[in-house]
Amino acid sequence: MRRKHSRCANHKRNAGIGLVALFSILLLSLYSQLNEESITGAAILKNKCIFTPTVTIVFGSNDNAVYAVDAKTGCIAWKFDAKGDIKAKPIVNDGKVFIGNSLDEFFTINLADGSQSWSADTGKIYGAAATDGTYVYVADNNGAISAYSFDSSTAAWTYTAKNVKTDVIVDNGILYIVDEYLKVGSVIAIDTATQKTKWKFSAKSEISAAPLVASDALYVSSNENTLYKLNKQGGVAVWTFKTGKSIRSTPIIDDDSILYFGSNDGYFYAVNSKDGKLVWKYPVNSEITATAVVDSTNVYFGAQNNYIYAINKKKGALVWTMKTNGKIYGAFALYKDMLFVPSADYTLYALNSVNGQQIWSYKTKGALYGGVSVVEDIKNIL
């Protein structure tokens, strides 16, 4: 009988321990649910910065998040849940990050800590916003171009177009958008003071990239294999340059007035902006849709063969190349001797621009389709 009693006692004791363990598990589960954000954040931010970065890289990912990382080390300052895919480059001004997603919402994020300032309901946003210091201009696929103040989710005014999928550009009181209707792209210049159309230029096909707005003119790439130079007064074509296939990237220009851009014909081009004459072209045998970046010596670009290229801009000769594990769609950024490259392999790369050696990389959970912003001392975008 004693043995039976002992077995019963042990059974009760074990049952009690089991109940305590079960209760503990339930409590931990409840705690995890209540603190999901902090626990998830701790896992995501395992490389969290100890100090506030003096130079910050801000970029979005197809994993529905916006990231801020330290330019020097690649440690993460914060991660913001944007609730939808990010296709565009974040724009930063006066301590605020402006970005829209593909699920009909636009966000203003505090650069200092990644907290949300405000959001607004929009259409799908595929291009970057623009700001003139007074308003933030946002365009969506419903054709609504809205002007928001820095601290308001209510638009001060709205201009109606058809369908905008590229970056918005603002320059000297004029807003430039690319509107798409019936597979024809049009560049529209809008006076921000009156909200009226100043002029409109229509290509013969779609326009897949935002124009380059330079001091003297606009440079517009089109899917009809043509780069246009337009004057800023009336949007009239000054010259055209033809490639073998469509041009789906925004051209860039250097201090010598040379334009640089890639084409789907597999060549990267250098063209004189004054007369539209070819300076040189470099073959990569792959489509090029990403916007390049240039310094005093080289021009840097990526292609859909997964390669990053550095080309001597005077000679059109290869300086170095590096292969990633994904296609390159987003615009590059430079800060001193550091080159920042977003890739569809989910990774942001920081490279030495002189030799192409990797300094660090940051892995997300989604492809990087948009460009990156480099922000120094919190306020100024580079």
Protein backbone atom coordinates (compact mmCIF):
# COMPACT_ATOMS: atom_id res chain seq x y z
CA MET A 1 0.00 0.00 0.00
CA ARG A 2 2.88 2.32 0.76
CA ARG A 3 4.31 1.76 -2.65
CA LYS A 4 0.96 2.51 -4.20
CA HIS A 5 0.66 5.65 -2.13
CA SER A 6 4.19 6.65 -3.17
CA ARG A 7 3.36 6.13 -6.81
CA CYS A 8 0.21 8.22 -6.41
CA ALA A 9 2.16 10.97 -4.70
CA ASN A 10 4.78 10.95 -7.42
CA HIS A 11 2.06 11.03 -10.07
CA LYS A 12 0.40 14.01 -8.42
CA ARG A 13 3.77 15.77 -8.04
CA ASN A 14 4.65 15.15 -11.70
CA ALA A 15 1.21 16.30 -12.77
CA GLY A 16 1.70 19.46 -10.73
CA ILE A 17 5.07 20.10 -12.34
CA GLY A 18 3.51 19.55 -15.76
CA LEU A 19 0.75 22.03 -15.02
CA VAL A 20 3.29 24.59 -13.83
CA ALA A 21 5.36 24.05 -17.00
CA LEU A 22 2.25 24.33 -19.18
CA PHE A 23 1.19 27.48 -17.37
CA SER A 24 4.68 28.92 -17.82
CA ILE A 25 4.58 28.16 -21.54
CA LEU A 26 1.19 29.86 -21.82
CA LEU A 27 2.51 32.90 -19.98
CA LEU A 28 5.57 33.07 -22.23
CA SER A 29 3.38 32.70 -25.29
CA LEU A 30 1.10 35.51 -24.09
CA TYR A 31 4.13 37.66 -23.27
CA SER A 32 5.54 37.02 -26.73
CA GLN A 33 2.26 38.06 -28.35
CA LEU A 34 2.06 41.20 -26.26
CA ASN A 35 5.67 42.02 -26.98
CA GLU A 36 5.85 40.70 -30.54
CA GLU A 37 7.23 43.96 -31.90
CA SER A 38 10.12 44.14 -29.43
CA ILE A 39 10.99 40.45 -29.78
CA THR A 40 10.77 40.61 -33.58
CA GLY A 41 12.72 43.84 -33.57
CA ALA A 42 15.44 42.30 -31.45
CA ALA A 43 15.78 39.48 -33.95
CA ILE A 44 15.71 41.79 -36.96
CA LEU A 45 17.99 44.41 -35.45
CA LYS A 46 20.67 42.00 -34.30
CA ASN A 47 23.26 44.29 -35.88
CA LYS A 48 21.74 47.40 -34.34
CA CYS A 49 23.92 50.51 -34.19
CA ILE A 50 25.29 51.42 -30.80
CA PHE A 51 25.72 55.07 -31.75
CA THR A 52 23.61 57.33 -33.97
CA PRO A 53 25.09 57.27 -37.50
CA THR A 54 26.58 60.53 -38.76
CA VAL A 55 25.94 59.39 -42.34
CA THR A 56 22.82 57.31 -42.92
CA ILE A 57 21.77 55.18 -45.88
CA VAL A 58 17.99 54.97 -46.31
CA PHE A 59 16.38 52.48 -48.69
CA GLY A 60 13.27 50.42 -49.18
CA SER A 61 12.79 46.72 -49.86
CA ASN A 62 10.21 44.45 -51.42
CA ASP A 63 9.80 42.93 -47.94
CA ASN A 64 7.50 45.87 -47.07
CA ALA A 65 10.11 47.72 -45.04
CA VAL A 66 12.21 50.88 -45.07
CA TYR A 67 15.70 50.62 -43.59
CA ALA A 68 18.20 53.11 -42.18
CA VAL A 69 21.77 51.84 -41.85
CA ASP A 70 25.08 53.40 -40.95
CA ALA A 71 27.09 54.27 -44.06
CA LYS A 72 30.43 53.37 -42.49
CA THR A 73 29.68 50.02 -40.85
CA GLY A 74 26.33 48.76 -42.19
CA CYS A 75 24.82 48.48 -38.72
CA ILE A 76 21.09 49.15 -38.67
CA ALA A 77 19.65 52.25 -36.99
CA TRP A 78 16.00 51.34 -37.52
CA LYS A 79 13.51 49.44 -39.66
CA PHE A 80 10.05 50.76 -40.53
CA ASP A 81 7.09 48.54 -41.49
CA ALA A 82 5.64 50.18 -44.61
CA LYS A 83 2.87 47.55 -44.91
CA GLY A 84 3.47 47.09 -48.64
CA ASP A 85 6.17 46.68 -51.28
CA ILE A 86 8.58 49.57 -51.72
CA LYS A 87 9.49 50.20 -55.36
CA ALA A 88 10.87 53.74 -55.11
CA LYS A 89 13.75 55.64 -53.61
CA PRO A 90 13.02 57.26 -50.21
CA ILE A 91 13.35 61.04 -50.28
CA VAL A 92 14.81 62.73 -47.18
CA ASN A 93 14.49 66.37 -46.17
CA ASP A 94 14.76 68.23 -42.87
CA GLY A 95 14.82 65.08 -40.76
CA LYS A 96 11.89 63.41 -42.53
CA VAL A 97 11.80 60.38 -44.82
CA PHE A 98 9.08 60.36 -47.50
CA ILE A 99 8.09 57.09 -49.17
CA GLY A 100 5.01 55.42 -50.64
CA ASN A 101 4.14 51.75 -51.06
CA SER A 102 2.35 49.66 -53.69
CA LEU A 103 -0.66 49.21 -51.41
CA ASP A 104 -2.10 52.73 -51.60
CA GLU A 105 -0.35 54.48 -48.71
CA PHE A 106 2.23 57.24 -48.35
CA PHE A 107 4.36 57.65 -45.22
CA THR A 108 6.37 60.34 -43.52
CA ILE A 109 8.96 58.80 -41.17
CA ASN A 110 11.15 60.52 -38.60
CA LEU A 111 14.76 59.97 -39.66
CA ALA A 112 16.05 60.13 -36.09
CA ASP A 113 14.30 56.98 -34.85
CA GLY A 114 12.18 55.50 -37.66
CA SER A 115 8.86 56.40 -36.04
CA GLN A 116 5.89 57.35 -38.19
CA SER A 117 5.03 61.02 -38.39
CA TRP A 118 1.92 60.69 -40.56
CA SER A 119 0.48 58.72 -43.47
CA ALA A 120 -2.01 59.41 -46.25
CA ASP A 121 -4.23 57.19 -48.39
CA THR A 122 -3.19 57.30 -52.04
CA GLY A 123 -3.14 55.07 -55.08
CA LYS A 124 -0.25 52.69 -55.72
CA ILE A 125 3.08 54.54 -55.61
CA TYR A 126 5.94 53.31 -57.78
CA GLY A 127 8.07 56.44 -58.04
CA ALA A 128 9.86 58.71 -55.59
CA ALA A 129 8.22 61.80 -54.16
CA ALA A 130 9.81 65.25 -54.49
CA THR A 131 10.06 68.24 -52.18
CA ASP A 132 10.87 71.92 -52.53
CA GLY A 133 11.17 72.50 -48.79
CA THR A 134 7.58 73.68 -48.48
CA TYR A 135 5.56 70.83 -49.94
CA VAL A 136 6.07 67.15 -50.59
CA TYR A 137 4.76 66.14 -54.02
CA VAL A 138 3.41 62.62 -54.41
CA ALA A 139 2.10 60.93 -57.58
CA ASP A 140 0.24 57.63 -57.85
CA ASN A 141 -1.05 55.22 -60.49
CA ASN A 142 -4.50 56.85 -60.36
CA GLY A 143 -2.95 60.01 -61.77
CA ALA A 144 -3.31 62.08 -58.59
CA ILE A 145 -0.40 64.43 -57.95
CA SER A 146 -0.81 65.76 -54.41
CA ALA A 147 1.04 68.47 -52.51
CA TYR A 148 1.38 67.81 -48.76
CA SER A 149 2.98 70.02 -46.15
CA PHE A 150 5.67 68.38 -44.02
CA ASP A 151 3.33 67.91 -41.05
CA SER A 152 -0.02 67.17 -42.65
CA SER A 153 -1.76 64.15 -44.18
CA THR A 154 -4.24 66.47 -45.93
CA ALA A 155 -3.20 67.60 -49.40
CA ALA A 156 -2.99 71.35 -49.93
CA TRP A 157 -3.83 70.80 -53.59
CA THR A 158 -4.10 68.01 -56.16
CA TYR A 159 -3.44 67.91 -59.90
CA THR A 160 -5.19 65.21 -61.92
CA ALA A 161 -3.42 63.17 -64.60
CA LYS A 162 -3.94 59.59 -65.83
CA ASN A 163 -1.28 57.23 -64.49
CA VAL A 164 2.09 58.12 -62.95
CA LYS A 165 4.61 55.35 -62.23
CA THR A 166 7.93 57.21 -62.20
CA ASP A 167 9.66 59.69 -59.90
CA VAL A 168 8.29 63.19 -59.46
CA ILE A 169 10.80 66.00 -60.06
CA VAL A 170 10.50 69.60 -58.80
CA ASP A 171 12.79 72.38 -59.97
CA ASN A 172 12.42 76.17 -59.56
CA GLY A 173 8.69 76.08 -58.96
CA ILE A 174 7.95 73.62 -61.77
CA LEU A 175 6.82 70.06 -61.14
CA TYR A 176 7.69 67.46 -63.79
CA ILE A 177 5.80 64.18 -64.08
CA VAL A 178 5.57 61.39 -66.62
CA ASP A 179 1.95 60.54 -67.38
CA GLU A 180 0.98 57.36 -69.18
CA TYR A 181 -2.18 56.94 -71.24
CA LEU A 182 -2.92 54.31 -73.89
CA LYS A 183 0.75 53.22 -73.92
CA VAL A 184 1.95 56.73 -74.72
CA GLY A 185 4.15 58.59 -72.25
CA SER A 186 3.95 62.34 -71.77
CA VAL A 187 6.15 64.67 -69.77
CA ILE A 188 4.02 67.37 -68.12
CA ALA A 189 5.40 70.55 -66.58
CA ILE A 190 3.14 71.91 -63.82
CA ASP A 191 3.43 75.35 -62.21
CA THR A 192 3.35 74.67 -58.45
CA ALA A 193 2.08 78.20 -57.70
CA THR A 194 -0.98 78.00 -59.97
CA GLN A 195 -1.29 74.19 -60.32
CA LYS A 196 -1.73 74.71 -64.07
CA THR A 197 -0.06 72.89 -66.94
CA LYS A 198 2.85 74.90 -68.33
CA TRP A 199 3.52 72.53 -71.23
CA LYS A 200 3.20 68.89 -72.27
CA PHE A 201 5.50 66.76 -74.43
CA SER A 202 4.29 63.39 -75.76
CA ALA A 203 6.64 60.69 -77.02
CA LYS A 204 5.68 58.04 -79.57
CA SER A 205 5.71 55.27 -76.97
CA GLU A 206 5.82 54.69 -73.23
CA ILE A 207 8.31 56.52 -71.03
CA SER A 208 9.55 54.17 -68.31
CA ALA A 209 11.85 56.52 -66.38
CA ALA A 210 11.70 60.00 -64.93
CA PRO A 211 13.40 62.76 -66.93
CA LEU A 212 16.70 64.29 -65.96
CA VAL A 213 16.02 67.93 -65.15
CA ALA A 214 19.29 69.80 -65.71
CA SER A 215 20.07 73.50 -65.56
CA ASP A 216 19.54 74.04 -69.29
CA ALA A 217 17.11 71.35 -70.39
CA LEU A 218 15.23 68.12 -69.74
CA TYR A 219 16.56 64.79 -70.98
CA VAL A 220 13.85 62.20 -71.56
CA SER A 221 14.42 58.53 -72.33
CA SER A 222 11.71 56.59 -74.14
CA ASN A 223 10.78 53.08 -75.18
CA GLU A 224 10.99 54.08 -78.84
CA ASN A 225 14.80 53.73 -78.57
CA THR A 226 15.19 57.49 -78.27
CA LEU A 227 16.71 59.99 -75.87
CA TYR A 228 15.20 63.48 -76.19
CA LYS A 229 16.63 66.81 -75.16
CA LEU A 230 13.77 69.24 -74.43
CA ASN A 231 14.03 72.94 -73.69
CA LYS A 232 12.57 73.96 -70.35
CA GLN A 233 10.46 76.82 -71.66
CA GLY A 234 8.07 74.92 -73.89
CA GLY A 235 9.09 71.26 -73.86
CA VAL A 236 10.25 71.40 -77.49
CA ALA A 237 12.78 68.80 -78.69
CA VAL A 238 16.24 70.23 -79.35
CA TRP A 239 17.84 66.97 -80.52
CA THR A 240 17.30 63.20 -80.34
CA PHE A 241 19.71 60.30 -79.91
CA LYS A 242 18.87 56.78 -81.08
CA THR A 243 19.88 53.46 -79.52
CA GLY A 244 19.25 49.89 -80.65
CA LYS A 245 16.43 49.21 -78.18
CA SER A 246 14.34 50.99 -75.56
CA ILE A 247 15.87 53.30 -72.95
CA ARG A 248 14.33 52.65 -69.54
CA SER A 249 16.73 54.49 -67.25
CA THR A 250 17.02 58.12 -66.24
CA PRO A 251 20.20 59.66 -67.70
CA ILE A 252 22.70 61.47 -65.49
CA ILE A 253 25.05 64.34 -66.38
CA ASP A 254 28.52 65.32 -65.16
CA ASP A 255 30.33 68.65 -64.83
CA ASP A 256 31.64 68.28 -68.40
CA SER A 257 28.06 68.18 -69.75
CA ILE A 258 28.31 64.50 -70.72
CA LEU A 259 25.20 62.36 -70.35
CA TYR A 260 25.43 58.74 -69.18
CA PHE A 261 22.70 56.12 -69.50
CA GLY A 262 22.08 52.48 -70.34
CA SER A 263 19.83 50.88 -72.92
CA ASN A 264 18.09 47.56 -73.38
CA ASP A 265 20.33 47.02 -76.41
CA GLY A 266 23.10 45.97 -74.02
CA TYR A 267 25.21 49.14 -74.28
CA PHE A 268 26.03 51.86 -71.79
CA TYR A 269 26.31 55.27 -73.47
CA ALA A 270 28.17 58.55 -73.01
CA VAL A 271 26.59 61.35 -75.10
CA ASN A 272 27.46 65.03 -75.39
CA SER A 273 24.52 66.98 -74.01
CA LYS A 274 25.26 70.01 -76.20
CA ASP A 275 24.78 68.36 -79.56
CA GLY A 276 23.58 64.81 -78.87
CA LYS A 277 26.67 63.20 -80.37
CA LEU A 278 28.05 59.89 -79.17
CA VAL A 279 31.21 60.11 -77.06
CA TRP A 280 31.57 56.36 -76.45
CA LYS A 281 29.53 53.26 -75.69
CA TYR A 282 30.46 50.22 -73.64
CA PRO A 283 28.98 46.73 -74.25
CA VAL A 284 27.67 44.60 -71.37
CA ASN A 285 25.38 42.30 -73.41
CA SER A 286 22.53 42.79 -70.96
CA GLU A 287 19.62 45.15 -70.42
CA ILE A 288 20.42 48.23 -68.34
CA THR A 289 17.49 49.90 -66.57
CA ALA A 290 19.14 51.24 -63.41
CA THR A 291 20.20 54.88 -63.14
CA ALA A 292 23.97 55.33 -62.92
CA VAL A 293 26.09 57.60 -60.72
CA VAL A 294 29.26 59.50 -61.60
CA ASP A 295 32.25 61.04 -59.84
CA SER A 296 35.28 62.95 -61.12
CA THR A 297 36.87 59.83 -62.62
CA ASN A 298 34.39 57.03 -63.21
CA VAL A 299 30.76 56.30 -63.97
CA TYR A 300 29.12 53.40 -62.09
CA PHE A 301 26.10 51.38 -63.18
CA GLY A 302 24.47 47.98 -62.84
CA ALA A 303 22.84 45.65 -65.35
CA GLN A 304 20.38 42.80 -65.40
CA ASN A 305 23.22 40.30 -65.81
CA ASN A 306 23.82 40.90 -62.07
CA TYR A 307 27.06 42.84 -62.66
CA ILE A 308 28.21 46.20 -61.31
CA TYR A 309 30.52 48.18 -63.59
CA ALA A 310 32.96 51.03 -63.05
CA ILE A 311 33.92 52.69 -66.34
CA ASN A 312 36.53 55.41 -66.83
CA LYS A 313 34.38 58.26 -68.08
CA LYS A 314 37.07 59.81 -70.29
CA LYS A 315 38.11 56.62 -72.07
CA GLY A 316 34.99 54.48 -71.83
CA ALA A 317 37.23 51.66 -70.53
CA LEU A 318 36.46 49.15 -67.78
CA VAL A 319 38.06 49.93 -64.41
CA TRP A 320 36.54 47.10 -62.37
CA THR A 321 33.47 44.90 -62.20
CA MET A 322 31.72 42.89 -59.51
CA LYS A 323 28.93 40.30 -59.71
CA THR A 324 26.01 40.17 -57.29
CA ASN A 325 23.44 37.39 -57.02
CA GLY A 326 20.59 39.39 -58.50
CA LYS A 327 19.61 41.87 -61.19
CA ILE A 328 20.25 45.57 -60.62
CA TYR A 329 17.22 47.86 -60.93
CA GLY A 330 17.73 50.63 -58.37
CA ALA A 331 19.80 53.78 -58.70
CA PHE A 332 23.28 53.82 -57.15
CA ALA A 333 24.55 56.40 -54.66
CA LEU A 334 28.03 57.71 -53.84
CA TYR A 335 29.47 59.12 -50.64
CA LYS A 336 33.15 60.01 -50.86
CA ASP A 337 34.87 56.75 -51.89
CA MET A 338 31.90 54.56 -51.00
CA LEU A 339 29.47 53.22 -53.61
CA PHE A 340 26.06 51.96 -52.48
CA VAL A 341 24.31 49.42 -54.70
CA PRO A 342 20.80 47.96 -54.23
CA SER A 343 20.32 44.50 -55.76
CA ALA A 344 17.42 42.19 -56.42
CA ASP A 345 19.32 39.56 -54.42
CA TYR A 346 17.82 41.27 -51.32
CA THR A 347 21.11 42.98 -50.49
CA LEU A 348 22.46 46.51 -50.21
CA TYR A 349 26.18 46.54 -51.01
CA ALA A 350 28.71 49.11 -49.83
CA LEU A 351 31.77 49.01 -52.08
CA ASN A 352 35.04 50.87 -52.35
CA SER A 353 34.47 52.93 -55.49
CA VAL A 354 38.18 52.90 -56.35
CA ASN A 355 38.62 49.13 -56.63
CA GLY A 356 35.15 47.59 -56.19
CA GLN A 357 36.06 45.76 -52.97
CA GLN A 358 33.12 45.09 -50.65
CA ILE A 359 33.18 47.05 -47.39
CA TRP A 360 29.96 45.63 -45.99
CA SER A 361 26.56 44.36 -47.08
CA TYR A 362 23.11 44.38 -45.51
CA LYS A 363 20.64 41.59 -46.26
CA THR A 364 16.88 42.15 -46.23
CA LYS A 365 14.02 39.73 -46.92
CA GLY A 366 13.03 41.21 -50.27
CA ALA A 367 14.39 42.51 -53.56
CA LEU A 368 15.69 46.09 -53.69
CA TYR A 369 14.07 47.80 -56.68
CA GLY A 370 14.38 51.47 -55.70
CA GLY A 371 17.36 53.73 -55.24
CA VAL A 372 19.09 54.66 -52.00
CA SER A 373 19.44 58.02 -50.26
CA VAL A 374 22.58 59.13 -48.46
CA VAL A 375 21.89 61.52 -45.60
CA GLU A 376 24.60 63.41 -43.74
CA ASP A 377 24.01 65.01 -40.33
CA ILE A 378 20.32 63.99 -40.43
CA LYS A 379 19.15 67.00 -42.44
CA ASN A 380 20.85 67.13 -45.82
CA ILE A 381 20.33 64.64 -48.62
CA LEU A 382 23.33 63.99 -50.87
